[in-house]
Protein backbone atom coordinates (compact mmCIF):
# COMPACT_ATOMS: atom_id res chain seq x y z
CA UNK A 1 -20.27 9.90 -9.81
CA UNK A 2 -17.70 6.68 -10.26
CA UNK A 3 -18.51 3.36 -8.17
CA UNK A 4 -15.95 4.48 -5.69
CA UNK A 5 -18.10 7.97 -4.67
CA UNK A 6 -21.43 6.08 -4.41
CA UNK A 7 -19.82 3.26 -2.46
CA UNK A 8 -18.81 5.89 0.42
CA UNK A 9 -22.17 7.82 0.11
CA UNK A 10 -23.78 3.78 0.58
CA UNK A 11 -21.21 3.32 3.52
CA UNK A 12 -21.78 7.17 5.19
CA UNK A 13 -25.85 6.66 5.15
CA UNK A 14 -25.56 2.91 6.73
CA UNK A 15 -23.14 4.56 9.53
CA UNK A 16 -25.53 7.81 10.11
CA UNK A 17 -28.65 5.46 9.54
CA UNK A 18 -27.78 2.97 12.35
CA UNK A 19 -27.53 5.59 15.02
CA UNK A 20 -30.13 7.55 13.53
CA UNK A 21 -32.06 4.81 14.44
CA UNK A 22 -30.72 3.78 17.80
CA UNK A 23 -32.05 6.79 18.76
CA UNK A 24 -34.59 7.50 16.89
CA UNK A 25 -33.16 11.11 15.77
CA UNK A 26 -34.96 12.60 12.69
CA UNK A 27 -33.11 15.20 12.04
CA UNK A 28 -30.11 13.02 12.28
CA UNK A 29 -31.33 10.88 9.64
CA UNK A 30 -32.50 13.97 7.33
CA UNK A 31 -28.60 14.07 6.44
CA UNK A 32 -28.75 11.31 4.67
CA UNK A 33 -32.24 10.14 3.80
CA UNK A 34 -35.22 12.17 2.48
CA UNK A 35 -38.17 11.76 0.83
CA UNK A 36 -40.70 9.15 1.55
CA UNK A 37 -37.69 6.77 3.32
CA UNK A 38 -37.54 9.88 5.95
CA UNK A 39 -41.08 9.94 5.72
CA UNK A 40 -41.57 6.05 6.70
CA UNK A 41 -38.68 5.89 9.16
CA UNK A 42 -39.55 9.10 10.46
CA UNK A 43 -43.14 7.93 11.00
CA UNK A 44 -41.63 4.75 12.78
CA UNK A 45 -39.95 7.14 15.19
CA UNK A 46 -42.92 8.61 16.20
CA UNK A 47 -44.87 5.63 16.46
CA UNK A 48 -42.24 3.67 18.60
CA UNK A 49 -43.81 3.62 21.74
CA UNK A 50 -46.96 2.03 20.05
CA UNK A 51 -45.55 -0.23 18.38
CA UNK A 52 -45.40 -3.88 19.27
CA UNK A 53 -41.81 -4.87 20.49
CA UNK A 54 -41.26 -7.00 17.45
CA UNK A 55 -41.91 -3.83 14.85
CA UNK A 56 -39.65 -2.44 17.57
CA UNK A 57 -36.28 -4.21 17.62
CA UNK A 58 -35.42 -3.21 13.87
CA UNK A 59 -34.54 -0.11 14.96
CA UNK A 60 -31.88 -1.30 17.36
CA UNK A 61 -30.21 -3.41 14.48
CA UNK A 62 -27.20 -2.01 12.18
CA UNK A 63 -27.94 -0.56 8.85
CA UNK A 64 -26.16 -2.86 7.09
CA UNK A 65 -25.91 -4.18 3.08
CA UNK A 66 -24.25 -6.39 1.53
CA UNK A 67 -22.67 -7.20 -1.48
CA UNK A 68 -23.74 -4.18 -3.19
CA UNK A 69 -23.93 -3.44 -7.26
CA UNK A 70 -23.89 0.20 -8.35
CA UNK A 71 -25.91 0.89 -11.08
CA UNK A 72 -25.21 4.94 -12.53
CA UNK A 73 -27.08 6.18 -15.39
CA UNK A 74 -25.23 8.88 -17.46
CA UNK A 75 -26.61 12.08 -16.46
CA UNK A 76 -28.78 11.75 -14.43
CA UNK A 77 -28.63 12.82 -10.62
CA UNK A 78 -29.62 9.59 -9.05
CA UNK A 79 -28.26 6.28 -8.81
CA UNK A 80 -29.52 2.80 -8.04
CA UNK A 81 -27.81 0.16 -5.92
CA UNK A 82 -28.79 -3.58 -5.43
CA UNK A 83 -27.44 -5.55 -2.02
CA UNK A 84 -28.32 -7.35 0.58
CA UNK A 85 -29.70 -6.42 3.94
CA UNK A 86 -28.14 -8.18 6.79
CA UNK A 87 -30.34 -8.20 9.18
CA UNK A 88 -32.69 -8.92 10.58
CA UNK A 89 -32.83 -11.94 7.63
CA UNK A 90 -30.91 -11.84 4.39
CA UNK A 91 -32.73 -10.04 1.86
CA UNK A 92 -32.61 -8.38 -1.50
CA UNK A 93 -32.66 -4.55 -1.41
CA UNK A 94 -33.13 -1.87 -4.04
CA UNK A 95 -32.20 1.51 -3.14
CA UNK A 96 -31.61 4.71 -4.49
CA UNK A 97 -29.79 7.72 -3.54
CA UNK A 98 -30.45 11.40 -5.38
CA UNK A 99 -28.15 14.27 -5.64
CA UNK A 100 -29.39 17.52 -3.98
CA UNK A 101 -27.97 20.70 -4.29
CA UNK A 102 -29.94 23.81 -4.95
CA UNK A 103 -29.94 25.21 -8.17
CA UNK A 104 -26.85 22.85 -9.45
CA UNK A 105 -29.17 20.18 -8.53
CA UNK A 106 -29.80 19.09 -12.03
CA UNK A 107 -26.28 19.41 -13.06
CA UNK A 108 -24.08 16.22 -13.33
CA UNK A 109 -21.30 15.34 -10.98
CA UNK A 110 -18.75 14.62 -13.05
CA UNK A 111 -17.92 14.58 -16.93
CA UNK A 112 -17.93 11.92 -19.18
CA UNK A 113 -15.62 10.96 -21.70
CA UNK A 114 -17.26 8.62 -24.04
CA UNK A 115 -14.19 8.30 -26.23
CA UNK A 116 -12.33 6.48 -23.49
CA UNK A 117 -14.59 5.35 -20.99
CA UNK A 118 -13.81 7.26 -18.44
CA UNK A 119 -14.98 10.02 -16.10
CA UNK A 120 -13.37 13.45 -14.85
CA UNK A 121 -15.00 14.36 -11.51
CA UNK A 122 -14.98 17.22 -9.00
CA UNK A 123 -13.33 17.79 -6.11
CA UNK A 124 -15.43 15.41 -3.73
CA UNK A 125 -15.59 16.67 -0.72
CA UNK A 126 -15.87 13.28 1.21
CA UNK A 127 -14.64 14.41 4.57
CA UNK A 128 -15.65 11.57 7.59
CA UNK A 129 -14.88 13.55 9.98
CA UNK A 130 -17.61 14.01 12.80
CA UNK A 131 -16.58 16.44 15.14
CA UNK A 132 -16.92 16.46 18.83
CA UNK A 133 -18.90 17.35 21.72
CA UNK A 134 -22.65 17.25 21.83
CA UNK A 135 -22.88 17.77 17.95
CA UNK A 136 -24.69 21.15 18.33
CA UNK A 137 -22.39 23.09 16.42
CA UNK A 138 -21.72 24.54 12.65
CA UNK A 139 -18.35 22.90 12.39
CA UNK A 140 -20.17 19.22 13.43
CA UNK A 141 -23.21 20.20 10.74
CA UNK A 142 -20.78 21.47 8.22
CA UNK A 143 -18.88 18.16 8.91
CA UNK A 144 -21.96 15.81 7.93
CA UNK A 145 -22.88 17.96 5.06
CA UNK A 146 -19.15 17.80 3.57
CA UNK A 147 -19.44 14.01 4.11
CA UNK A 148 -22.31 13.43 2.64
CA UNK A 149 -21.41 15.41 -0.23
CA UNK A 150 -19.68 15.99 -3.73
CA UNK A 151 -18.83 19.90 -4.17
CA UNK A 152 -19.55 21.22 -7.17
CA UNK A 153 -17.55 25.14 -7.12
CA UNK A 154 -19.18 26.55 -4.70
CA UNK A 155 -22.30 24.37 -4.27
CA UNK A 156 -22.25 21.39 -1.94
CA UNK A 157 -24.28 18.70 -3.25
CA UNK A 158 -25.77 15.89 -0.93
CA UNK A 159 -26.76 12.89 -1.95
CA UNK A 160 -29.36 11.47 0.47
CA UNK A 161 -31.29 7.74 0.36
CA UNK A 162 -34.36 8.35 -1.41
CA UNK A 163 -36.03 4.86 -1.97
CA UNK A 164 -35.14 1.84 0.07
CA UNK A 165 -37.14 -1.66 -1.10
CA UNK A 166 -36.88 -5.10 -0.29
CA UNK A 167 -37.62 -8.07 -2.44
CA UNK A 168 -41.04 -9.26 -2.02
CA UNK A 169 -41.98 -11.32 -4.77
CA UNK A 170 -40.08 -14.64 -5.53
CA UNK A 171 -37.20 -15.07 -8.29
CA UNK A 172 -34.29 -12.71 -8.79
CA UNK A 173 -34.59 -9.10 -9.60
CA UNK A 174 -33.91 -8.15 -13.45
CA UNK A 175 -30.81 -8.00 -14.89
CA UNK A 176 -29.63 -3.98 -15.68
CA UNK A 177 -28.65 -3.12 -18.86
CA UNK A 178 -25.16 -1.17 -18.96
CA UNK A 179 -23.26 -0.09 -21.87
CA UNK A 180 -19.58 -1.07 -22.44
CA UNK A 181 -18.46 1.35 -19.92
CA UNK A 182 -20.90 -0.28 -17.79
CA UNK A 183 -23.05 2.95 -17.54
CA UNK A 184 -26.54 2.07 -17.14
CA UNK A 185 -29.76 4.14 -19.08
CA UNK A 186 -32.12 6.18 -17.22
CA UNK A 187 -35.70 5.21 -18.77
CA UNK A 188 -38.55 8.50 -18.44
CA UNK A 189 -40.81 6.82 -15.04
CA UNK A 190 -42.81 9.73 -15.33
CA UNK A 191 -44.81 10.42 -18.24
CA UNK A 192 -48.86 9.76 -18.14
CA UNK A 193 -49.05 9.97 -22.04
CA UNK A 194 -47.26 8.68 -25.00
CA UNK A 195 -44.74 5.92 -25.88
CA UNK A 196 -45.21 2.12 -25.42
CA UNK A 197 -47.78 1.12 -22.60
CA UNK A 198 -47.58 0.02 -19.81
CA UNK A 199 -45.94 2.70 -18.09
CA UNK A 200 -44.28 2.83 -14.72
CA UNK A 201 -47.29 5.40 -14.31
CA UNK A 202 -50.10 3.05 -14.63
CA UNK A 203 -48.51 0.58 -12.52
CA UNK A 204 -48.94 3.11 -9.67
CA UNK A 205 -52.47 3.09 -10.79
CA UNK A 206 -52.84 -0.35 -10.94
CA UNK A 207 -51.74 -1.10 -7.56
CA UNK A 208 -53.47 1.51 -5.90
CA UNK A 209 -57.07 -0.10 -7.41
CA UNK A 210 -55.86 -3.92 -5.50
CA UNK A 211 -56.27 -1.52 -2.50
CA UNK A 212 -59.67 0.26 -3.95
CA UNK A 213 -61.73 -2.47 -5.71
CA UNK A 214 -59.57 -5.79 -4.51
CA UNK A 215 -58.29 -5.47 -8.18
CA UNK A 216 -61.73 -5.60 -10.54
CA UNK A 217 -60.14 -3.00 -12.87
CA UNK A 218 -56.90 -1.49 -13.71
CA UNK A 219 -54.91 -3.89 -11.44
CA UNK A 220 -55.75 -6.55 -14.06
CA UNK A 221 -52.50 -4.88 -15.84
CA UNK A 222 -50.30 -6.55 -13.44
CA UNK A 223 -48.80 -10.14 -13.51
CA UNK A 224 -50.25 -11.76 -10.47
CA UNK A 225 -47.29 -12.88 -7.67
CA UNK A 226 -46.85 -12.75 -3.80
CA UNK A 227 -47.05 -8.86 -3.50
CA UNK A 228 -50.76 -8.49 -5.14
CA UNK A 229 -51.94 -11.62 -3.33
CA UNK A 230 -51.18 -9.63 -0.28
CA UNK A 231 -52.92 -6.75 -1.29
CA UNK A 232 -55.65 -8.69 -2.86
CA UNK A 233 -56.30 -10.62 0.50
CA UNK A 234 -56.33 -6.90 2.56
CA UNK A 235 -59.43 -6.17 0.90
CA UNK A 236 -60.77 -9.21 0.55
CA UNK A 237 -60.89 -9.61 4.64
CA UNK A 238 -60.95 -5.39 5.21
CA UNK A 239 -63.74 -6.24 7.47
CA UNK A 240 -63.22 -9.26 9.20
CA UNK A 241 -61.71 -7.84 12.38
CA UNK A 242 -63.82 -5.10 12.93
CA UNK A 243 -66.00 -4.90 16.07
CA UNK A 244 -69.75 -4.46 17.27
CA UNK A 245 -69.64 -0.91 16.12
CA UNK A 246 -70.26 -2.06 13.00
CA UNK A 247 -67.49 -0.07 11.34
CA UNK A 248 -67.02 -0.20 7.33
CA UNK A 249 -63.12 0.13 5.73
CA UNK A 250 -62.28 1.59 2.55
CA UNK A 251 -59.54 2.36 0.87
CA UNK A 252 -59.44 5.61 -1.18
CA UNK A 253 -56.12 6.27 -3.52
CA UNK A 254 -54.25 10.17 -2.90
CA UNK A 255 -51.59 11.70 -4.23
CA UNK A 256 -48.44 11.15 -3.16
CA UNK A 257 -46.37 13.54 -0.55
CA UNK A 258 -43.45 12.77 -2.42
CA UNK A 259 -43.62 12.14 -6.23
CA UNK A 260 -40.17 11.35 -7.30
CA UNK A 261 -40.16 8.55 -9.77
CA UNK A 262 -36.98 6.28 -10.99
CA UNK A 263 -36.69 4.05 -14.12
CA UNK A 264 -33.51 1.78 -15.34
CA UNK A 265 -33.89 -0.20 -18.57
CA UNK A 266 -33.37 -3.70 -18.13
CA UNK A 267 -31.46 -6.16 -20.22
CA UNK A 268 -34.61 -7.68 -21.10
CA UNK A 269 -35.25 -4.14 -23.21
CA UNK A 270 -37.72 -3.11 -20.20
CA UNK A 271 -37.99 -1.38 -17.16
CA UNK A 272 -37.04 -1.45 -13.33
CA UNK A 273 -38.81 1.22 -12.03
CA UNK A 274 -39.81 2.93 -8.24
CA UNK A 275 -43.11 4.62 -8.08
CA UNK A 276 -44.98 6.16 -5.47
CA UNK A 277 -48.00 5.21 -3.59
CA UNK A 278 -50.88 6.66 -1.21
CA UNK A 279 -54.20 5.73 0.21
CA UNK A 280 -56.28 7.20 2.52
CA UNK A 281 -58.15 4.21 4.72
CA UNK A 282 -61.34 5.22 6.06
CA UNK A 283 -63.17 3.72 8.84
CA UNK A 284 -66.84 4.62 9.49
CA UNK A 285 -69.24 2.88 11.98
CA UNK A 286 -72.60 2.27 10.44
CA UNK A 287 -74.51 2.29 13.48
CA UNK A 288 -75.78 5.77 14.78
CA UNK A 289 -74.29 6.49 18.81
CA UNK A 290 -71.29 4.22 18.22
CA UNK A 291 -67.83 5.28 17.80
CA UNK A 292 -64.29 3.94 16.96
CA UNK A 293 -61.08 3.22 19.18
CA UNK A 294 -58.37 4.90 17.18
CA UNK A 295 -55.39 1.64 17.11
CA UNK A 296 -52.60 2.54 19.43
CA UNK A 297 -50.59 3.52 16.22
CA UNK A 298 -53.40 6.04 14.98
CA UNK A 299 -54.00 7.19 18.56
CA UNK A 300 -50.50 8.88 18.04
CA UNK A 301 -51.88 11.56 15.93
CA UNK A 302 -55.76 11.76 17.26
CA UNK A 303 -56.54 9.17 20.48
CA UNK A 304 -60.16 10.41 20.30
CA UNK A 305 -62.76 7.76 20.08
CA UNK A 306 -64.90 9.25 16.74
CA UNK A 307 -67.17 7.56 14.32
CA UNK A 308 -65.09 8.01 11.25
CA UNK A 309 -61.04 7.47 11.77
CA UNK A 310 -58.98 8.59 8.09
CA UNK A 311 -55.29 7.16 7.79
CA UNK A 312 -52.96 7.92 5.45
CA UNK A 313 -50.24 5.94 4.33
CA UNK A 314 -47.60 6.79 2.01
CA UNK A 315 -44.69 4.27 0.16
CA UNK A 316 -43.00 3.20 -2.81
CA UNK A 317 -43.39 -0.06 -5.43
CA UNK A 318 -40.75 -1.41 -7.34
CA UNK A 319 -42.50 -2.62 -10.43
CA UNK A 320 -40.60 -4.63 -13.59
CA UNK A 321 -42.38 -3.43 -16.55
CA UNK A 322 -40.86 -6.52 -19.29
CA UNK A 323 -40.53 -5.19 -23.27
CA UNK A 324 -43.36 -8.29 -23.16
CA UNK A 325 -45.59 -9.40 -20.78
CA UNK A 326 -47.31 -7.87 -18.10
CA UNK A 327 -45.80 -5.91 -15.04
CA UNK A 328 -44.94 -7.28 -12.13
CA UNK A 329 -44.75 -5.62 -8.98
CA UNK A 330 -41.36 -6.80 -6.62
CA UNK A 331 -42.12 -5.07 -3.95
CA UNK A 332 -44.67 -2.48 -2.04
CA UNK A 333 -43.64 -0.74 0.99
CA UNK A 334 -46.28 1.60 3.19
CA UNK A 335 -46.23 3.45 6.66
CA UNK A 336 -49.01 5.04 8.34
CA UNK A 337 -48.20 8.78 8.45
CA UNK A 338 -51.02 10.66 9.69
CA UNK A 339 -54.70 9.93 11.13
CA UNK A 340 -57.54 12.28 12.60
């Protein structure tokens, strides 16, 4: 993977995502996005008519990332982009694109010649022809596959966006460490044992503890900032707006549907990591013969009044794990994906 290829993949994503958002076309978005990003955005498509007007507005805006910097780890089937999303307000954002190509998805898209600091690349197969007409034909579908892919032998490898997290904490993103050849270094983001602590996995558990207990247990691992403050505030005021039904709200961690994690070494010797998040919000009445009316968004999945409403939220978090000191959660985004 070269910077030029990565830039074309980002450009392609912006064009397709803009069209998909405006028409709320989940199948079209799936050509260039996958995992939790696709799950969150298509949940918004499904809930669109139930959303307040100000939450609908972003779907009509173009997907536009300015001043992208590409961080490509050697040998990894993914790369990270730091960029600024242009609308609705300028906001630093971290993106991750990952490679998918069937049996060859774990192979490298190119060979790095370390002695010369160069790469030899396969045929990119990055055609931009979209096809004509209604788009129902195989020719257009193949055009999409080729446009966002890299051909490896007889396998067409596709690159899809799997992370999009805006910076929510104050301050700049930590600087990514690179070699003289401008290659980033991948860090193990999935280990649950061994190695120095805290690990990216620990950050996932610690952040969910903010929702479950308000931060009295594992969340003490995290450095306090605007992101942790918001989660603690939500927990502290979780029952403030509940009505006469005497309902109570609890948050319970659950297994994420999409478990992919990513991490790169930072210049301070630490890591910048993306980890999955997931929890249920459980609303239960405490008085007999009372029921809860689901919110407009929850009613998309089940409109029936009931004594218990269990809503599932899936998301991702971006965290900086410095070599010394406590990890800081820089962004955390969830979406309602189910309610019953």
